[in-house]
């Protein structure tokens, strides 16, 4: 992971992760957005066109950096499996009936 400041002030963007795979970058972005953290994914379009040639850089505001890194670290420590997500979806559907 590399760090890079893009603009100044409270709203400066910091690169908190770099992803060679578009799917991984979008999963991380979705997790951060679900937590209410604004995310900018630099290189997203180029990465989806030629994944092996470009890496997407996940950026957040500097004020959200610590929370974003903590969330990404938690995802790495306990990744969800397809089975656990499917079981949670089934349970939610059963509870809605």
PDB file of N, CA and C in Angstrom:
ATOM      1  N   UNK A   1       0.832  -1.174   0.000  1.00  0.00           N
ATOM      2  CA  UNK A   1       0.000   0.000   0.000  1.00  0.00           C
ATOM      3  C   UNK A   1       0.879   1.241   0.000  1.00  0.00           C
ATOM      4  N   UNK A   2       0.499   2.196  -0.788  1.00  0.00           N
ATOM      5  CA  UNK A   2       1.270   3.426  -0.814  1.00  0.00           C
ATOM      6  C   UNK A   2       0.408   4.578  -0.342  1.00  0.00           C
ATOM      7  N   UNK A   3       1.061   5.631   0.110  1.00  0.00           N
ATOM      8  CA  UNK A   3       0.361   6.819   0.566  1.00  0.00           C
ATOM      9  C   UNK A   3       0.710   7.965  -0.349  1.00  0.00           C
ATOM     10  N   UNK A   4      -0.288   8.749  -0.692  1.00  0.00           N
ATOM     11  CA  UNK A   4      -0.048   9.885  -1.564  1.00  0.00           C
ATOM     12  C   UNK A   4      -1.083  10.949  -1.264  1.00  0.00           C
ATOM     13  N   UNK A   5      -0.628  12.178  -1.049  1.00  0.00           N
ATOM     14  CA  UNK A   5      -1.532  13.292  -0.837  1.00  0.00           C
ATOM     15  C   UNK A   5      -1.854  13.909  -2.181  1.00  0.00           C
ATOM     16  N   UNK A   6      -3.150  14.127  -2.450  1.00  0.00           N
ATOM     17  CA  UNK A   6      -3.552  14.629  -3.746  1.00  0.00           C
ATOM     18  C   UNK A   6      -3.892  16.115  -3.707  1.00  0.00           C
ATOM     19  N   UNK A   7      -4.679  16.546  -2.734  1.00  0.00           N
ATOM     20  CA  UNK A   7      -5.023  17.962  -2.599  1.00  0.00           C
ATOM     21  C   UNK A   7      -4.852  18.380  -1.156  1.00  0.00           C
ATOM     22  N   UNK A   8      -4.772  19.686  -0.893  1.00  0.00           N
ATOM     23  CA  UNK A   8      -4.500  20.165   0.454  1.00  0.00           C
ATOM     24  C   UNK A   8      -5.728  20.320   1.324  1.00  0.00           C
ATOM     25  N   UNK A   9      -5.480  20.597   2.614  1.00  0.00           N
ATOM     26  CA  UNK A   9      -6.547  20.861   3.567  1.00  0.00           C
ATOM     27  C   UNK A   9      -7.179  19.612   4.135  1.00  0.00           C
ATOM     28  N   UNK A  10      -8.306  19.810   4.839  1.00  0.00           N
ATOM     29  CA  UNK A  10      -9.052  18.703   5.459  1.00  0.00           C
ATOM     30  C   UNK A  10      -9.544  17.700   4.422  1.00  0.00           C
ATOM     31  N   UNK A  11      -9.760  18.177   3.196  1.00  0.00           N
ATOM     32  CA  UNK A  11     -10.304  17.300   2.162  1.00  0.00           C
ATOM     33  C   UNK A  11      -9.231  16.673   1.288  1.00  0.00           C
ATOM     34  N   UNK A  12      -7.961  16.726   1.716  1.00  0.00           N
ATOM     35  CA  UNK A  12      -6.913  16.118   0.899  1.00  0.00           C
ATOM     36  C   UNK A  12      -7.174  14.619   0.785  1.00  0.00           C
ATOM     37  N   UNK A  13      -6.866  14.088  -0.373  1.00  0.00           N
ATOM     38  CA  UNK A  13      -7.055  12.655  -0.606  1.00  0.00           C
ATOM     39  C   UNK A  13      -5.749  11.921  -0.348  1.00  0.00           C
ATOM     40  N   UNK A  14      -5.876  10.770   0.289  1.00  0.00           N
ATOM     41  CA  UNK A  14      -4.734   9.939   0.615  1.00  0.00           C
ATOM     42  C   UNK A  14      -4.979   8.558   0.015  1.00  0.00           C
ATOM     43  N   UNK A  15      -4.004   8.030  -0.691  1.00  0.00           N
ATOM     44  CA  UNK A  15      -4.104   6.680  -1.229  1.00  0.00           C
ATOM     45  C   UNK A  15      -3.845   5.705  -0.091  1.00  0.00           C
ATOM     46  N   UNK A  16      -4.846   4.867   0.191  1.00  0.00           N
ATOM     47  CA  UNK A  16      -4.695   3.923   1.304  1.00  0.00           C
ATOM     48  C   UNK A  16      -4.464   2.490   0.834  1.00  0.00           C
ATOM     49  N   UNK A  17      -4.725   2.237  -0.453  1.00  0.00           N
ATOM     50  CA  UNK A  17      -4.507   0.888  -0.977  1.00  0.00           C
ATOM     51  C   UNK A  17      -4.417   0.942  -2.497  1.00  0.00           C
ATOM     52  N   UNK A  18      -3.698  -0.002  -3.050  1.00  0.00           N
ATOM     53  CA  UNK A  18      -3.580  -0.149  -4.498  1.00  0.00           C
ATOM     54  C   UNK A  18      -3.974  -1.579  -4.851  1.00  0.00           C
ATOM     55  N   UNK A  19      -4.821  -1.711  -5.870  1.00  0.00           N
ATOM     56  CA  UNK A  19      -5.340  -3.025  -6.249  1.00  0.00           C
ATOM     57  C   UNK A  19      -5.073  -3.309  -7.724  1.00  0.00           C
ATOM     58  N   UNK A  20      -4.440  -4.434  -8.030  1.00  0.00           N
ATOM     59  CA  UNK A  20      -4.241  -4.803  -9.428  1.00  0.00           C
ATOM     60  C   UNK A  20      -5.516  -5.370 -10.060  1.00  0.00           C
ATOM     61  N   UNK A  21      -6.421  -5.873  -9.252  1.00  0.00           N
ATOM     62  CA  UNK A  21      -7.655  -6.488  -9.745  1.00  0.00           C
ATOM     63  C   UNK A  21      -8.843  -5.549  -9.538  1.00  0.00           C
ATOM     64  N   UNK A  22      -9.618  -5.238 -10.579  1.00  0.00           N
ATOM     65  CA  UNK A  22     -10.770  -4.345 -10.447  1.00  0.00           C
ATOM     66  C   UNK A  22     -11.800  -4.837  -9.432  1.00  0.00           C
ATOM     67  N   UNK A  23     -12.024  -6.150  -9.370  1.00  0.00           N
ATOM     68  CA  UNK A  23     -13.016  -6.687  -8.448  1.00  0.00           C
ATOM     69  C   UNK A  23     -12.636  -6.401  -6.995  1.00  0.00           C
ATOM     70  N   UNK A  24     -11.381  -6.581  -6.644  1.00  0.00           N
ATOM     71  CA  UNK A  24     -10.927  -6.311  -5.281  1.00  0.00           C
ATOM     72  C   UNK A  24     -11.074  -4.835  -4.940  1.00  0.00           C
ATOM     73  N   UNK A  25     -10.731  -3.977  -5.884  1.00  0.00           N
ATOM     74  CA  UNK A  25     -10.849  -2.535  -5.665  1.00  0.00           C
ATOM     75  C   UNK A  25     -12.300  -2.145  -5.423  1.00  0.00           C
ATOM     76  N   UNK A  26     -13.216  -2.703  -6.196  1.00  0.00           N
ATOM     77  CA  UNK A  26     -14.635  -2.375  -6.037  1.00  0.00           C
ATOM     78  C   UNK A  26     -15.212  -2.944  -4.750  1.00  0.00           C
ATOM     79  N   UNK A  27     -14.726  -4.107  -4.322  1.00  0.00           N
ATOM     80  CA  UNK A  27     -15.189  -4.660  -3.047  1.00  0.00           C
ATOM     81  C   UNK A  27     -14.756  -3.763  -1.888  1.00  0.00           C
ATOM     82  N   UNK A  28     -13.515  -3.299  -1.931  1.00  0.00           N
ATOM     83  CA  UNK A  28     -13.019  -2.409  -0.879  1.00  0.00           C
ATOM     84  C   UNK A  28     -13.786  -1.094  -0.898  1.00  0.00           C
ATOM     85  N   UNK A  29     -14.013  -0.564  -2.093  1.00  0.00           N
ATOM     86  CA  UNK A  29     -14.772   0.690  -2.198  1.00  0.00           C
ATOM     87  C   UNK A  29     -16.178   0.518  -1.627  1.00  0.00           C
ATOM     88  N   UNK A  30     -16.833  -0.566  -1.963  1.00  0.00           N
ATOM     89  CA  UNK A  30     -18.192  -0.812  -1.467  1.00  0.00           C
ATOM     90  C   UNK A  30     -18.232  -0.906   0.055  1.00  0.00           C
ATOM     91  N   UNK A  31     -17.241  -1.579   0.628  1.00  0.00           N
ATOM     92  CA  UNK A  31     -17.189  -1.711   2.087  1.00  0.00           C
ATOM     93  C   UNK A  31     -17.023  -0.350   2.753  1.00  0.00           C
ATOM     94  N   UNK A  32     -16.143   0.474   2.208  1.00  0.00           N
ATOM     95  CA  UNK A  32     -15.920   1.796   2.790  1.00  0.00           C
ATOM     96  C   UNK A  32     -17.146   2.686   2.616  1.00  0.00           C
ATOM     97  N   UNK A  33     -17.765   2.646   1.451  1.00  0.00           N
ATOM     98  CA  UNK A  33     -18.968   3.448   1.223  1.00  0.00           C
ATOM     99  C   UNK A  33     -20.100   3.003   2.137  1.00  0.00           C
ATOM    100  N   UNK A  34     -20.203   1.698   2.384  1.00  0.00           N
ATOM    101  CA  UNK A  34     -21.234   1.190   3.300  1.00  0.00           C
ATOM    102  C   UNK A  34     -21.030   1.701   4.719  1.00  0.00           C
ATOM    103  N   UNK A  35     -19.774   1.988   5.053  1.00  0.00           N
ATOM    104  CA  UNK A  35     -19.449   2.521   6.380  1.00  0.00           C
ATOM    105  C   UNK A  35     -19.567   4.044   6.418  1.00  0.00           C
ATOM    106  N   UNK A  36     -20.003   4.648   5.314  1.00  0.00           N
ATOM    107  CA  UNK A  36     -20.190   6.095   5.276  1.00  0.00           C
ATOM    108  C   UNK A  36     -18.925   6.878   4.970  1.00  0.00           C
ATOM    109  N   UNK A  37     -17.918   6.207   4.431  1.00  0.00           N
ATOM    110  CA  UNK A  37     -16.655   6.867   4.091  1.00  0.00           C
ATOM    111  C   UNK A  37     -16.657   7.164   2.594  1.00  0.00           C
ATOM    112  N   UNK A  38     -16.459   8.440   2.248  1.00  0.00           N
ATOM    113  CA  UNK A  38     -16.373   8.827   0.841  1.00  0.00           C
ATOM    114  C   UNK A  38     -15.089   8.265   0.245  1.00  0.00           C
ATOM    115  N   UNK A  39     -15.200   7.697  -0.953  1.00  0.00           N
ATOM    116  CA  UNK A  39     -14.085   7.003  -1.589  1.00  0.00           C
ATOM    117  C   UNK A  39     -13.922   7.493  -3.022  1.00  0.00           C
ATOM    118  N   UNK A  40     -12.689   7.605  -3.454  1.00  0.00           N
ATOM    119  CA  UNK A  40     -12.372   7.887  -4.845  1.00  0.00           C
ATOM    120  C   UNK A  40     -11.469   6.769  -5.328  1.00  0.00           C
ATOM    121  N   UNK A  41     -11.814   6.178  -6.444  1.00  0.00           N
ATOM    122  CA  UNK A  41     -11.028   5.075  -6.992  1.00  0.00           C
ATOM    123  C   UNK A  41     -10.352   5.558  -8.266  1.00  0.00           C
ATOM    124  N   UNK A  42      -9.079   5.917  -8.149  1.00  0.00           N
ATOM    125  CA  UNK A  42      -8.321   6.435  -9.274  1.00  0.00           C
ATOM    126  C   UNK A  42      -7.835   5.283 -10.143  1.00  0.00           C
ATOM    127  N   UNK A  43      -8.015   5.413 -11.454  1.00  0.00           N
ATOM    128  CA  UNK A  43      -7.576   4.383 -12.385  1.00  0.00           C
ATOM    129  C   UNK A  43      -8.585   3.275 -12.575  1.00  0.00           C
ATOM    130  N   UNK A  44      -9.802   3.484 -12.108  1.00  0.00           N
ATOM    131  CA  UNK A  44     -10.833   2.442 -12.178  1.00  0.00           C
ATOM    132  C   UNK A  44     -11.144   2.045 -13.619  1.00  0.00           C
ATOM    133  N   UNK A  45     -11.300   3.007 -14.499  1.00  0.00           N
ATOM    134  CA  UNK A  45     -11.672   2.703 -15.878  1.00  0.00           C
ATOM    135  C   UNK A  45     -10.541   2.004 -16.615  1.00  0.00           C
ATOM    136  N   UNK A  46      -9.343   2.524 -16.478  1.00  0.00           N
ATOM    137  CA  UNK A  46      -8.201   1.896 -17.154  1.00  0.00           C
ATOM    138  C   UNK A  46      -7.974   0.492 -16.621  1.00  0.00           C
ATOM    139  N   UNK A  47      -8.164   0.313 -15.319  1.00  0.00           N
ATOM    140  CA  UNK A  47      -7.951  -0.990 -14.698  1.00  0.00           C
ATOM    141  C   UNK A  47      -8.949  -2.006 -15.229  1.00  0.00           C
ATOM    142  N   UNK A  48     -10.187  -1.602 -15.470  1.00  0.00           N
ATOM    143  CA  UNK A  48     -11.185  -2.559 -15.951  1.00  0.00           C
ATOM    144  C   UNK A  48     -10.976  -2.905 -17.426  1.00  0.00           C
ATOM    145  N   UNK A  49     -10.314  -2.008 -18.175  1.00  0.00           N
ATOM    146  CA  UNK A  49     -10.069  -2.287 -19.594  1.00  0.00           C
ATOM    147  C   UNK A  49      -8.886  -3.230 -19.778  1.00  0.00           C
ATOM    148  N   UNK A  50      -7.804  -2.989 -19.057  1.00  0.00           N
ATOM    149  CA  UNK A  50      -6.596  -3.815 -19.167  1.00  0.00           C
ATOM    150  C   UNK A  50      -6.077  -4.051 -17.747  1.00  0.00           C
ATOM    151  N   UNK A  51      -6.669  -4.987 -17.007  1.00  0.00           N
ATOM    152  CA  UNK A  51      -6.341  -5.168 -15.592  1.00  0.00           C
ATOM    153  C   UNK A  51      -4.867  -5.373 -15.279  1.00  0.00           C
ATOM    154  N   UNK A  52      -4.150  -6.099 -16.097  1.00  0.00           N
ATOM    155  CA  UNK A  52      -2.752  -6.388 -15.766  1.00  0.00           C
ATOM    156  C   UNK A  52      -1.829  -5.200 -15.994  1.00  0.00           C
ATOM    157  N   UNK A  53      -2.297  -4.192 -16.716  1.00  0.00           N
ATOM    158  CA  UNK A  53      -1.450  -3.051 -17.043  1.00  0.00           C
ATOM    159  C   UNK A  53      -1.584  -1.899 -16.049  1.00  0.00           C
ATOM    160  N   UNK A  54      -2.682  -1.846 -15.322  1.00  0.00           N
ATOM    161  CA  UNK A  54      -2.947  -0.719 -14.437  1.00  0.00           C
ATOM    162  C   UNK A  54      -3.392  -1.202 -13.067  1.00  0.00           C
ATOM    163  N   UNK A  55      -3.108  -0.410 -12.068  1.00  0.00           N
ATOM    164  CA  UNK A  55      -3.584  -0.693 -10.709  1.00  0.00           C
ATOM    165  C   UNK A  55      -4.496   0.452 -10.289  1.00  0.00           C
ATOM    166  N   UNK A  56      -5.580   0.123  -9.629  1.00  0.00           N
ATOM    167  CA  UNK A  56      -6.491   1.140  -9.104  1.00  0.00           C
ATOM    168  C   UNK A  56      -6.001   1.591  -7.745  1.00  0.00           C
ATOM    169  N   UNK A  57      -6.084   2.887  -7.505  1.00  0.00           N
ATOM    170  CA  UNK A  57      -5.678   3.442  -6.222  1.00  0.00           C
ATOM    171  C   UNK A  57      -6.921   3.876  -5.456  1.00  0.00           C
ATOM    172  N   UNK A  58      -7.107   3.292  -4.289  1.00  0.00           N
ATOM    173  CA  UNK A  58      -8.242   3.614  -3.425  1.00  0.00           C
ATOM    174  C   UNK A  58      -7.854   4.805  -2.553  1.00  0.00           C
ATOM    175  N   UNK A  59      -8.608   5.893  -2.676  1.00  0.00           N
ATOM    176  CA  UNK A  59      -8.282   7.118  -1.955  1.00  0.00           C
ATOM    177  C   UNK A  59      -9.458   7.565  -1.098  1.00  0.00           C
ATOM    178  N   UNK A  60      -9.126   8.124   0.070  1.00  0.00           N
ATOM    179  CA  UNK A  60     -10.119   8.692   0.986  1.00  0.00           C
ATOM    180  C   UNK A  60      -9.612  10.043   1.468  1.00  0.00           C
ATOM    181  N   UNK A  61     -10.507  10.811   2.067  1.00  0.00           N
ATOM    182  CA  UNK A  61     -10.083  12.078   2.672  1.00  0.00           C
ATOM    183  C   UNK A  61      -9.168  11.775   3.844  1.00  0.00           C
ATOM    184  N   UNK A  62      -8.217  12.651   4.084  1.00  0.00           N
ATOM    185  CA  UNK A  62      -7.246  12.406   5.153  1.00  0.00           C
ATOM    186  C   UNK A  62      -7.923  12.252   6.505  1.00  0.00           C
ATOM    187  N   UNK A  63      -9.040  12.939   6.729  1.00  0.00           N
ATOM    188  CA  UNK A  63      -9.740  12.826   8.012  1.00  0.00           C
ATOM    189  C   UNK A  63     -10.365  11.441   8.205  1.00  0.00           C
ATOM    190  N   UNK A  64     -10.583  10.699   7.112  1.00  0.00           N
ATOM    191  CA  UNK A  64     -11.177   9.358   7.184  1.00  0.00           C
ATOM    192  C   UNK A  64     -10.138   8.245   7.073  1.00  0.00           C
ATOM    193  N   UNK A  65      -8.872   8.622   6.943  1.00  0.00           N
ATOM    194  CA  UNK A  65      -7.830   7.630   6.679  1.00  0.00           C
ATOM    195  C   UNK A  65      -7.762   6.541   7.742  1.00  0.00           C
ATOM    196  N   UNK A  66      -7.727   6.917   9.012  1.00  0.00           N
ATOM    197  CA  UNK A  66      -7.579   5.920  10.082  1.00  0.00           C
ATOM    198  C   UNK A  66      -8.747   4.936  10.087  1.00  0.00           C
ATOM    199  N   UNK A  67      -9.965   5.445   9.965  1.00  0.00           N
ATOM    200  CA  UNK A  67     -11.145   4.574   9.967  1.00  0.00           C
ATOM    201  C   UNK A  67     -11.149   3.660   8.744  1.00  0.00           C
ATOM    202  N   UNK A  68     -10.757   4.202   7.603  1.00  0.00           N
ATOM    203  CA  UNK A  68     -10.736   3.410   6.370  1.00  0.00           C
ATOM    204  C   UNK A  68      -9.699   2.294   6.459  1.00  0.00           C
ATOM    205  N   UNK A  69      -8.523   2.621   6.966  1.00  0.00           N
ATOM    206  CA  UNK A  69      -7.477   1.598   7.100  1.00  0.00           C
ATOM    207  C   UNK A  69      -7.911   0.509   8.082  1.00  0.00           C
ATOM    208  N   UNK A  70      -8.561   0.907   9.157  1.00  0.00           N
ATOM    209  CA  UNK A  70      -9.029  -0.060  10.154  1.00  0.00           C
ATOM    210  C   UNK A  70     -10.043  -1.012   9.525  1.00  0.00           C
ATOM    211  N   UNK A  71     -10.958  -0.474   8.740  1.00  0.00           N
ATOM    212  CA  UNK A  71     -11.969  -1.302   8.087  1.00  0.00           C
ATOM    213  C   UNK A  71     -11.336  -2.252   7.075  1.00  0.00           C
ATOM    214  N   UNK A  72     -10.396  -1.763   6.277  1.00  0.00           N
ATOM    215  CA  UNK A  72      -9.731  -2.637   5.303  1.00  0.00           C
ATOM    216  C   UNK A  72      -8.912  -3.721   5.997  1.00  0.00           C
ATOM    217  N   UNK A  73      -8.264  -3.367   7.105  1.00  0.00           N
ATOM    218  CA  UNK A  73      -7.510  -4.368   7.868  1.00  0.00           C
ATOM    219  C   UNK A  73      -8.438  -5.441   8.417  1.00  0.00           C
ATOM    220  N   UNK A  74      -9.612  -5.028   8.892  1.00  0.00           N
ATOM    221  CA  UNK A  74     -10.586  -5.985   9.424  1.00  0.00           C
ATOM    222  C   UNK A  74     -11.073  -6.922   8.314  1.00  0.00           C
ATOM    223  N   UNK A  75     -11.217  -6.392   7.114  1.00  0.00           N
ATOM    224  CA  UNK A  75     -11.633  -7.233   5.983  1.00  0.00           C
ATOM    225  C   UNK A  75     -10.569  -8.279   5.676  1.00  0.00           C
ATOM    226  N   UNK A  76      -9.305  -7.899   5.774  1.00  0.00           N
ATOM    227  CA  UNK A  76      -8.215  -8.842   5.513  1.00  0.00           C
ATOM    228  C   UNK A  76      -8.127  -9.910   6.594  1.00  0.00           C
ATOM    229  N   UNK A  77      -8.428  -9.519   7.852  1.00  0.00           N
ATOM    230  CA  UNK A  77      -8.333 -10.451   8.973  1.00  0.00           C
ATOM    231  C   UNK A  77      -9.460 -11.482   8.968  1.00  0.00           C
ATOM    232  N   UNK A  78     -10.643 -11.084   8.530  1.00  0.00           N
ATOM    233  CA  UNK A  78     -11.799 -11.984   8.564  1.00  0.00           C
ATOM    234  C   UNK A  78     -12.615 -11.834   7.282  1.00  0.00           C
ATOM    235  N   UNK A  79     -12.093 -12.288   6.149  1.00  0.00           N
ATOM    236  CA  UNK A  79     -12.845 -12.146   4.898  1.00  0.00           C
ATOM    237  C   UNK A  79     -14.097 -13.007   4.923  1.00  0.00           C
ATOM    238  N   UNK A  80     -15.163 -12.475   4.345  1.00  0.00           N
ATOM    239  CA  UNK A  80     -16.410 -13.228   4.277  1.00  0.00           C
ATOM    240  C   UNK A  80     -16.330 -14.241   3.143  1.00  0.00           C
ATOM    241  N   UNK A  81     -16.892 -15.388   3.391  1.00  0.00           N
ATOM    242  CA  UNK A  81     -16.950 -16.399   2.336  1.00  0.00           C
ATOM    243  C   UNK A  81     -18.293 -16.291   1.632  1.00  0.00           C
ATOM    244  N   UNK A  82     -18.357 -16.840   0.444  1.00  0.00           N
ATOM    245  CA  UNK A  82     -19.610 -16.861  -0.294  1.00  0.00           C
ATOM    246  C   UNK A  82     -20.685 -17.577   0.509  1.00  0.00           C
ATOM    247  N   UNK A  83     -20.297 -18.635   1.218  1.00  0.00           N
ATOM    248  CA  UNK A  83     -21.260 -19.403   2.006  1.00  0.00           C
ATOM    249  C   UNK A  83     -21.848 -18.566   3.137  1.00  0.00           C
ATOM    250  N   UNK A  84     -21.017 -17.776   3.831  1.00  0.00           N
ATOM    251  CA  UNK A  84     -21.530 -16.979   4.941  1.00  0.00           C
ATOM    252  C   UNK A  84     -22.427 -15.855   4.444  1.00  0.00           C
ATOM    253  N   UNK A  85     -22.089 -15.266   3.298  1.00  0.00           N
ATOM    254  CA  UNK A  85     -22.931 -14.213   2.733  1.00  0.00           C
ATOM    255  C   UNK A  85     -24.263 -14.797   2.296  1.00  0.00           C
ATOM    256  N   UNK A  86     -24.225 -15.943   1.630  1.00  0.00           N
ATOM    257  CA  UNK A  86     -25.453 -16.598   1.179  1.00  0.00           C
ATOM    258  C   UNK A  86     -26.324 -16.985   2.366  1.00  0.00           C
ATOM    259  N   UNK A  87     -25.738 -17.513   3.416  1.00  0.00           N
ATOM    260  CA  UNK A  87     -26.508 -17.884   4.614  1.00  0.00           C
ATOM    261  C   UNK A  87     -27.147 -16.653   5.239  1.00  0.00           C
ATOM    262  N   UNK A  88     -26.443 -15.542   5.281  1.00  0.00           N
ATOM    263  CA  UNK A  88     -26.989 -14.300   5.843  1.00  0.00           C
ATOM    264  C   UNK A  88     -28.141 -13.783   4.981  1.00  0.00           C
ATOM    265  N   UNK A  89     -28.020 -13.890   3.666  1.00  0.00           N
ATOM    266  CA  UNK A  89     -29.093 -13.450   2.774  1.00  0.00           C
ATOM    267  C   UNK A  89     -30.332 -14.318   2.944  1.00  0.00           C
ATOM    268  N   UNK A  90     -30.145 -15.623   3.056  1.00  0.00           N
ATOM    269  CA  UNK A  90     -31.271 -16.546   3.251  1.00  0.00           C
ATOM    270  C   UNK A  90     -31.963 -16.247   4.581  1.00  0.00           C
ATOM    271  N   UNK A  91     -31.176 -16.032   5.629  1.00  0.00           N
ATOM    272  CA  UNK A  91     -31.747 -15.714   6.946  1.00  0.00           C
ATOM    273  C   UNK A  91     -32.533 -14.411   6.897  1.00  0.00           C
ATOM    274  N   UNK A  92     -32.033 -13.424   6.183  1.00  0.00           N
ATOM    275  CA  UNK A  92     -32.724 -12.148   6.072  1.00  0.00           C
ATOM    276  C   UNK A  92     -34.031 -12.303   5.313  1.00  0.00           C
ATOM    277  N   UNK A  93     -34.022 -13.113   4.261  1.00  0.00           N
ATOM    278  CA  UNK A  93     -35.243 -13.369   3.493  1.00  0.00           C
ATOM    279  C   UNK A  93     -36.270 -14.105   4.348  1.00  0.00           C
ATOM    280  N   UNK A  94     -35.820 -15.100   5.124  1.00  0.00           N
ATOM    281  CA  UNK A  94     -36.724 -15.847   5.982  1.00  0.00           C
ATOM    282  C   UNK A  94     -37.344 -14.944   7.038  1.00  0.00           C
ATOM    283  N   UNK A  95     -36.561 -14.011   7.562  1.00  0.00           N
ATOM    284  CA  UNK A  95     -37.057 -13.093   8.576  1.00  0.00           C
ATOM    285  C   UNK A  95     -38.040 -12.076   8.019  1.00  0.00           C
ATOM    286  N   UNK A  96     -37.956 -11.805   6.725  1.00  0.00           N
ATOM    287  CA  UNK A  96     -38.842 -10.824   6.085  1.00  0.00           C
ATOM    288  C   UNK A  96     -40.204 -11.422   5.730  1.00  0.00           C
ATOM    289  N   UNK A  97     -40.291 -12.746   5.765  1.00  0.00           N
ATOM    290  CA  UNK A  97     -41.552 -13.418   5.372  1.00  0.00           C
ATOM    291  C   UNK A  97     -42.550 -13.431   6.492  1.00  0.00           C
TER     292      UNK A  97
END
